[in-house]
Amino acid sequence: MAETEKVTVNLNVVDLGKIDLLVEQGFFSNRTDFIKSSIRNQLSEHSQVVDKIITDKTFTLGVAYYSRKELEKVVASGRVLDIKVIGMLVFDEDVDKDLVRKSVGSLKVLGVLRASSEVRKALEGVK
C-alpha cells in the first residue's frame, strides 16, 4: 500500500500562471498532475546520485517498522540501532520513550516519522 503525505508548495503568481497555462493547453490534467510530474522528473534525473547515497550510507528505502518486541530484542542483545530511513519510520503504539532511549543510538529520517508524542520527544536528542 502506497502511503502519501500532503505537501504545501508556495509559488509566485507568474509561475502559477504558467502552470495554469499548461493545464489549460492540455499538457497536464490539473496543477497537482503538473507538480507530481515535475517531482518525478527531478527524482528520475537525479536517481543515480540518490541510489549511490542510499547504498553508501546504508539507508532503508521505503517503510521501516519497529515493534516493542523487536526493540526489546535489540536491548536484550546489548546492541543499539543506527536507523537511517528514506520514506517512513514507524514505531508501534506500545513503544515507550524508555525503550527508544535504550535501543536507538542514532536516527536520521528523510520523510515521515510516525510515533507517539512521547517517543518523538525522546528521539529529539538522538543524532
N, C-alpha and C. Protein backbone atom coordinates (compact mmCIF):
# COMPACT_ATOMS: atom_id res chain seq x y z
N MET A 1 0.84 -1.16 0.00
CA MET A 1 0.00 0.00 0.00
C MET A 1 0.89 1.23 0.00
N ALA A 2 0.68 2.12 -0.94
CA ALA A 2 1.48 3.33 -1.04
C ALA A 2 0.90 4.41 -0.14
N GLU A 3 1.69 4.86 0.80
CA GLU A 3 1.28 5.95 1.70
C GLU A 3 1.61 7.26 1.01
N THR A 4 0.77 8.24 1.19
CA THR A 4 1.05 9.56 0.64
C THR A 4 0.97 10.59 1.76
N GLU A 5 1.69 11.66 1.57
CA GLU A 5 1.68 12.77 2.51
C GLU A 5 1.37 14.03 1.74
N LYS A 6 0.66 14.93 2.36
CA LYS A 6 0.34 16.21 1.74
C LYS A 6 1.52 17.15 1.91
N VAL A 7 1.87 17.84 0.83
CA VAL A 7 2.95 18.82 0.84
C VAL A 7 2.39 20.13 0.31
N THR A 8 2.70 21.21 0.97
CA THR A 8 2.26 22.52 0.53
C THR A 8 3.41 23.21 -0.18
N VAL A 9 3.11 23.79 -1.33
CA VAL A 9 4.12 24.48 -2.12
C VAL A 9 3.67 25.92 -2.35
N ASN A 10 4.53 26.86 -2.03
CA ASN A 10 4.25 28.26 -2.30
C ASN A 10 4.94 28.65 -3.60
N LEU A 11 4.19 29.21 -4.54
CA LEU A 11 4.73 29.63 -5.83
C LEU A 11 4.41 31.10 -6.06
N ASN A 12 5.27 31.75 -6.84
CA ASN A 12 4.92 33.12 -7.19
C ASN A 12 3.82 33.08 -8.25
N VAL A 13 3.14 34.19 -8.43
CA VAL A 13 1.95 34.21 -9.29
C VAL A 13 2.29 33.96 -10.77
N VAL A 14 3.47 34.36 -11.20
CA VAL A 14 3.85 34.13 -12.60
C VAL A 14 4.03 32.64 -12.86
N ASP A 15 4.77 31.95 -11.97
CA ASP A 15 4.95 30.50 -12.14
C ASP A 15 3.61 29.78 -12.08
N LEU A 16 2.75 30.18 -11.17
CA LEU A 16 1.43 29.57 -11.07
C LEU A 16 0.64 29.79 -12.36
N GLY A 17 0.73 30.99 -12.90
CA GLY A 17 0.05 31.28 -14.16
C GLY A 17 0.55 30.41 -15.30
N LYS A 18 1.86 30.18 -15.34
CA LYS A 18 2.44 29.32 -16.38
C LYS A 18 1.95 27.88 -16.25
N ILE A 19 1.85 27.42 -15.01
CA ILE A 19 1.32 26.08 -14.76
C ILE A 19 -0.13 26.01 -15.25
N ASP A 20 -0.92 27.01 -14.89
CA ASP A 20 -2.32 27.04 -15.33
C ASP A 20 -2.42 27.06 -16.85
N LEU A 21 -1.51 27.75 -17.52
CA LEU A 21 -1.50 27.79 -18.98
C LEU A 21 -1.26 26.40 -19.56
N LEU A 22 -0.29 25.68 -18.98
CA LEU A 22 -0.01 24.32 -19.45
C LEU A 22 -1.20 23.39 -19.19
N VAL A 23 -1.87 23.58 -18.07
CA VAL A 23 -3.08 22.79 -17.77
C VAL A 23 -4.17 23.13 -18.79
N GLU A 24 -4.36 24.40 -19.03
CA GLU A 24 -5.39 24.84 -19.97
C GLU A 24 -5.13 24.30 -21.38
N GLN A 25 -3.86 24.19 -21.77
CA GLN A 25 -3.50 23.70 -23.09
C GLN A 25 -3.50 22.17 -23.18
N GLY A 26 -3.78 21.51 -22.07
CA GLY A 26 -3.93 20.05 -22.09
C GLY A 26 -2.67 19.26 -21.83
N PHE A 27 -1.58 19.93 -21.46
CA PHE A 27 -0.35 19.20 -21.17
C PHE A 27 -0.46 18.42 -19.85
N PHE A 28 -1.26 18.95 -18.93
CA PHE A 28 -1.49 18.31 -17.64
C PHE A 28 -2.97 18.42 -17.31
N SER A 29 -3.47 17.46 -16.54
CA SER A 29 -4.91 17.49 -16.22
C SER A 29 -5.26 18.53 -15.16
N ASN A 30 -4.29 18.85 -14.29
CA ASN A 30 -4.51 19.86 -13.25
C ASN A 30 -3.16 20.25 -12.65
N ARG A 31 -3.18 21.18 -11.71
CA ARG A 31 -1.93 21.64 -11.08
C ARG A 31 -1.20 20.51 -10.37
N THR A 32 -1.95 19.68 -9.68
CA THR A 32 -1.35 18.57 -8.96
C THR A 32 -0.62 17.63 -9.91
N ASP A 33 -1.24 17.34 -11.05
CA ASP A 33 -0.62 16.48 -12.06
C ASP A 33 0.71 17.08 -12.52
N PHE A 34 0.74 18.39 -12.74
CA PHE A 34 1.97 19.08 -13.13
C PHE A 34 3.04 18.93 -12.06
N ILE A 35 2.68 19.19 -10.80
CA ILE A 35 3.65 19.14 -9.70
C ILE A 35 4.18 17.73 -9.51
N LYS A 36 3.30 16.74 -9.53
CA LYS A 36 3.75 15.35 -9.39
C LYS A 36 4.68 14.96 -10.53
N SER A 37 4.34 15.35 -11.74
CA SER A 37 5.17 15.04 -12.90
C SER A 37 6.54 15.71 -12.78
N SER A 38 6.56 16.95 -12.34
CA SER A 38 7.82 17.67 -12.17
C SER A 38 8.70 17.00 -11.11
N ILE A 39 8.10 16.58 -10.02
CA ILE A 39 8.85 15.91 -8.97
C ILE A 39 9.42 14.59 -9.48
N ARG A 40 8.59 13.80 -10.17
CA ARG A 40 9.08 12.52 -10.72
C ARG A 40 10.24 12.74 -11.69
N ASN A 41 10.13 13.78 -12.53
CA ASN A 41 11.21 14.07 -13.48
C ASN A 41 12.51 14.41 -12.76
N GLN A 42 12.44 15.22 -11.71
CA GLN A 42 13.64 15.57 -10.95
C GLN A 42 14.22 14.35 -10.24
N LEU A 43 13.38 13.52 -9.66
CA LEU A 43 13.87 12.32 -9.00
C LEU A 43 14.51 11.36 -10.00
N SER A 44 13.93 11.27 -11.18
CA SER A 44 14.50 10.43 -12.23
C SER A 44 15.84 10.98 -12.69
N GLU A 45 15.90 12.28 -12.87
CA GLU A 45 17.14 12.93 -13.34
C GLU A 45 18.28 12.71 -12.35
N HIS A 46 17.97 12.67 -11.07
CA HIS A 46 19.00 12.54 -10.04
C HIS A 46 19.03 11.14 -9.42
N SER A 47 18.45 10.17 -10.08
CA SER A 47 18.31 8.83 -9.49
C SER A 47 19.65 8.17 -9.19
N GLN A 48 20.65 8.36 -10.02
CA GLN A 48 21.95 7.73 -9.76
C GLN A 48 22.58 8.29 -8.49
N VAL A 49 22.46 9.59 -8.28
CA VAL A 49 23.00 10.21 -7.06
C VAL A 49 22.26 9.67 -5.84
N VAL A 50 20.94 9.63 -5.92
CA VAL A 50 20.13 9.14 -4.80
C VAL A 50 20.48 7.68 -4.50
N ASP A 51 20.57 6.85 -5.54
CA ASP A 51 20.90 5.44 -5.35
C ASP A 51 22.28 5.26 -4.70
N LYS A 52 23.24 6.05 -5.12
CA LYS A 52 24.59 5.96 -4.55
C LYS A 52 24.58 6.35 -3.07
N ILE A 53 23.88 7.41 -2.74
CA ILE A 53 23.82 7.84 -1.34
C ILE A 53 23.15 6.77 -0.49
N ILE A 54 22.06 6.20 -1.00
CA ILE A 54 21.35 5.15 -0.26
C ILE A 54 22.28 3.97 0.00
N THR A 55 23.02 3.58 -1.02
CA THR A 55 23.94 2.44 -0.88
C THR A 55 25.10 2.77 0.04
N ASP A 56 25.73 3.92 -0.17
CA ASP A 56 26.90 4.30 0.63
C ASP A 56 26.56 4.53 2.09
N LYS A 57 25.43 5.11 2.36
CA LYS A 57 25.06 5.47 3.72
C LYS A 57 24.18 4.42 4.39
N THR A 58 23.92 3.33 3.72
CA THR A 58 23.07 2.24 4.21
C THR A 58 21.73 2.72 4.76
N PHE A 59 21.00 3.42 3.93
CA PHE A 59 19.65 3.85 4.27
C PHE A 59 18.67 2.72 3.97
N THR A 60 17.59 2.66 4.74
CA THR A 60 16.46 1.82 4.39
C THR A 60 15.56 2.67 3.51
N LEU A 61 15.16 2.12 2.40
CA LEU A 61 14.32 2.83 1.45
C LEU A 61 12.91 2.26 1.53
N GLY A 62 11.93 3.10 1.87
CA GLY A 62 10.55 2.65 1.99
C GLY A 62 10.04 2.88 3.39
N VAL A 63 9.45 1.84 3.99
CA VAL A 63 8.88 1.96 5.33
C VAL A 63 9.64 1.04 6.27
N ALA A 64 10.14 1.61 7.36
CA ALA A 64 10.78 0.82 8.41
C ALA A 64 9.84 0.82 9.61
N TYR A 65 9.59 -0.35 10.15
CA TYR A 65 8.61 -0.50 11.24
C TYR A 65 9.29 -1.20 12.42
N TYR A 66 9.16 -0.61 13.60
CA TYR A 66 9.72 -1.22 14.80
C TYR A 66 8.62 -1.43 15.83
N SER A 67 8.51 -2.67 16.26
CA SER A 67 7.54 -3.03 17.30
C SER A 67 8.25 -3.07 18.65
N ARG A 68 7.48 -3.13 19.68
CA ARG A 68 8.03 -3.24 21.03
C ARG A 68 8.90 -4.51 21.14
N LYS A 69 8.39 -5.60 20.62
CA LYS A 69 9.09 -6.89 20.69
C LYS A 69 10.46 -6.80 20.01
N GLU A 70 10.52 -6.17 18.83
CA GLU A 70 11.80 -6.04 18.12
C GLU A 70 12.80 -5.20 18.91
N LEU A 71 12.32 -4.08 19.46
CA LEU A 71 13.22 -3.21 20.22
C LEU A 71 13.68 -3.88 21.52
N GLU A 72 12.82 -4.65 22.15
CA GLU A 72 13.22 -5.37 23.35
C GLU A 72 14.31 -6.39 23.04
N LYS A 73 14.25 -7.03 21.88
CA LYS A 73 15.30 -7.96 21.45
C LYS A 73 16.62 -7.23 21.25
N VAL A 74 16.56 -6.04 20.69
CA VAL A 74 17.77 -5.23 20.49
C VAL A 74 18.41 -4.93 21.85
N VAL A 75 17.62 -4.48 22.80
CA VAL A 75 18.13 -4.15 24.14
C VAL A 75 18.70 -5.40 24.80
N ALA A 76 18.00 -6.52 24.71
CA ALA A 76 18.44 -7.76 25.34
C ALA A 76 19.77 -8.24 24.76
N SER A 77 20.01 -7.93 23.49
CA SER A 77 21.26 -8.36 22.85
C SER A 77 22.41 -7.40 23.15
N GLY A 78 22.11 -6.29 23.83
CA GLY A 78 23.16 -5.32 24.17
C GLY A 78 23.54 -4.40 23.02
N ARG A 79 22.73 -4.39 21.99
CA ARG A 79 23.02 -3.53 20.83
C ARG A 79 22.19 -2.26 20.90
N VAL A 80 22.56 -1.30 20.05
CA VAL A 80 21.72 -0.13 19.81
C VAL A 80 21.61 0.03 18.30
N LEU A 81 20.51 0.60 17.86
CA LEU A 81 20.24 0.73 16.43
C LEU A 81 20.77 2.04 15.87
N ASP A 82 21.27 1.96 14.65
CA ASP A 82 21.64 3.13 13.86
C ASP A 82 20.60 3.16 12.74
N ILE A 83 19.55 3.95 12.90
CA ILE A 83 18.42 3.93 11.98
C ILE A 83 18.55 5.08 10.98
N LYS A 84 18.53 4.71 9.69
CA LYS A 84 18.55 5.70 8.61
C LYS A 84 17.49 5.29 7.60
N VAL A 85 16.49 6.15 7.42
CA VAL A 85 15.35 5.80 6.58
C VAL A 85 15.07 6.92 5.58
N ILE A 86 14.83 6.51 4.36
CA ILE A 86 14.27 7.41 3.35
C ILE A 86 12.88 6.87 3.07
N GLY A 87 11.88 7.59 3.50
CA GLY A 87 10.50 7.14 3.35
C GLY A 87 9.74 7.39 4.63
N MET A 88 9.48 6.32 5.37
CA MET A 88 8.71 6.47 6.61
C MET A 88 9.25 5.52 7.67
N LEU A 89 9.42 6.07 8.88
CA LEU A 89 9.80 5.28 10.04
C LEU A 89 8.60 5.25 10.99
N VAL A 90 8.22 4.04 11.40
CA VAL A 90 7.06 3.87 12.27
C VAL A 90 7.48 3.11 13.53
N PHE A 91 7.18 3.69 14.69
CA PHE A 91 7.32 2.99 15.95
C PHE A 91 5.91 2.62 16.41
N ASP A 92 5.71 1.35 16.74
CA ASP A 92 4.41 0.86 17.17
C ASP A 92 3.91 1.66 18.37
N GLU A 93 2.60 1.69 18.53
CA GLU A 93 1.96 2.48 19.60
C GLU A 93 2.39 2.06 21.00
N ASP A 94 2.76 0.78 21.18
CA ASP A 94 3.13 0.33 22.52
C ASP A 94 4.62 0.54 22.85
N VAL A 95 5.36 1.17 21.94
CA VAL A 95 6.76 1.50 22.20
C VAL A 95 6.79 2.77 23.05
N ASP A 96 7.53 2.71 24.16
CA ASP A 96 7.60 3.89 25.04
C ASP A 96 8.96 4.57 24.95
N LYS A 97 9.06 5.74 25.58
CA LYS A 97 10.27 6.55 25.49
C LYS A 97 11.48 5.85 26.09
N ASP A 98 11.32 5.11 27.16
CA ASP A 98 12.45 4.43 27.79
C ASP A 98 13.04 3.37 26.87
N LEU A 99 12.17 2.62 26.22
CA LEU A 99 12.63 1.59 25.29
C LEU A 99 13.36 2.22 24.10
N VAL A 100 12.86 3.32 23.60
CA VAL A 100 13.51 4.00 22.47
C VAL A 100 14.88 4.51 22.90
N ARG A 101 14.97 5.10 24.07
CA ARG A 101 16.26 5.63 24.56
C ARG A 101 17.30 4.52 24.71
N LYS A 102 16.86 3.34 25.11
CA LYS A 102 17.78 2.21 25.29
C LYS A 102 18.18 1.56 23.96
N SER A 103 17.30 1.63 22.96
CA SER A 103 17.53 0.84 21.74
C SER A 103 17.99 1.64 20.52
N VAL A 104 17.82 2.96 20.52
CA VAL A 104 18.17 3.75 19.35
C VAL A 104 19.38 4.62 19.67
N GLY A 105 20.49 4.34 18.97
CA GLY A 105 21.71 5.10 19.18
C GLY A 105 21.81 6.32 18.28
N SER A 106 21.35 6.17 17.04
CA SER A 106 21.35 7.30 16.11
C SER A 106 20.14 7.17 15.18
N LEU A 107 19.73 8.33 14.67
CA LEU A 107 18.50 8.36 13.87
C LEU A 107 18.57 9.44 12.81
N LYS A 108 18.21 9.07 11.59
CA LYS A 108 18.05 10.04 10.50
C LYS A 108 16.86 9.58 9.67
N VAL A 109 15.85 10.44 9.61
CA VAL A 109 14.66 10.13 8.83
C VAL A 109 14.48 11.22 7.78
N LEU A 110 14.53 10.82 6.54
CA LEU A 110 14.23 11.72 5.43
C LEU A 110 12.87 11.31 4.91
N GLY A 111 11.87 11.98 5.39
CA GLY A 111 10.50 11.63 5.05
C GLY A 111 9.60 11.84 6.25
N VAL A 112 8.98 10.76 6.72
CA VAL A 112 7.95 10.87 7.75
C VAL A 112 8.30 9.98 8.94
N LEU A 113 8.14 10.53 10.14
CA LEU A 113 8.29 9.77 11.37
C LEU A 113 6.92 9.62 12.00
N ARG A 114 6.47 8.38 12.19
CA ARG A 114 5.20 8.12 12.86
C ARG A 114 5.51 7.49 14.21
N ALA A 115 5.21 8.22 15.26
CA ALA A 115 5.46 7.74 16.62
C ALA A 115 4.62 8.59 17.57
N SER A 116 4.45 8.07 18.78
CA SER A 116 3.72 8.83 19.78
C SER A 116 4.51 10.10 20.11
N SER A 117 3.83 11.08 20.68
CA SER A 117 4.50 12.33 21.03
C SER A 117 5.59 12.07 22.07
N GLU A 118 5.38 11.12 22.94
CA GLU A 118 6.37 10.75 23.95
C GLU A 118 7.64 10.21 23.29
N VAL A 119 7.48 9.34 22.30
CA VAL A 119 8.62 8.76 21.59
C VAL A 119 9.32 9.83 20.75
N ARG A 120 8.54 10.68 20.08
CA ARG A 120 9.12 11.77 19.30
C ARG A 120 10.02 12.65 20.19
N LYS A 121 9.53 12.96 21.36
CA LYS A 121 10.29 13.81 22.29
C LYS A 121 11.58 13.10 22.71
N ALA A 122 11.50 11.81 22.98
CA ALA A 122 12.69 11.04 23.36
C ALA A 122 13.72 10.99 22.24
N LEU A 123 13.26 11.05 21.00
CA LEU A 123 14.16 10.97 19.86
C LEU A 123 14.77 12.32 19.48
N GLU A 124 14.27 13.40 20.05
CA GLU A 124 14.77 14.73 19.71
C GLU A 124 16.27 14.87 19.91
N GLY A 125 16.81 14.28 20.95
CA GLY A 125 18.24 14.40 21.23
C GLY A 125 19.11 13.40 20.50
N VAL A 126 18.51 12.47 19.81
CA VAL A 126 19.25 11.41 19.10
C VAL A 126 19.72 11.94 17.76
N LYS A 127 21.00 11.83 17.49
CA LYS A 127 21.56 12.29 16.21
C LYS A 127 21.89 11.13 15.33
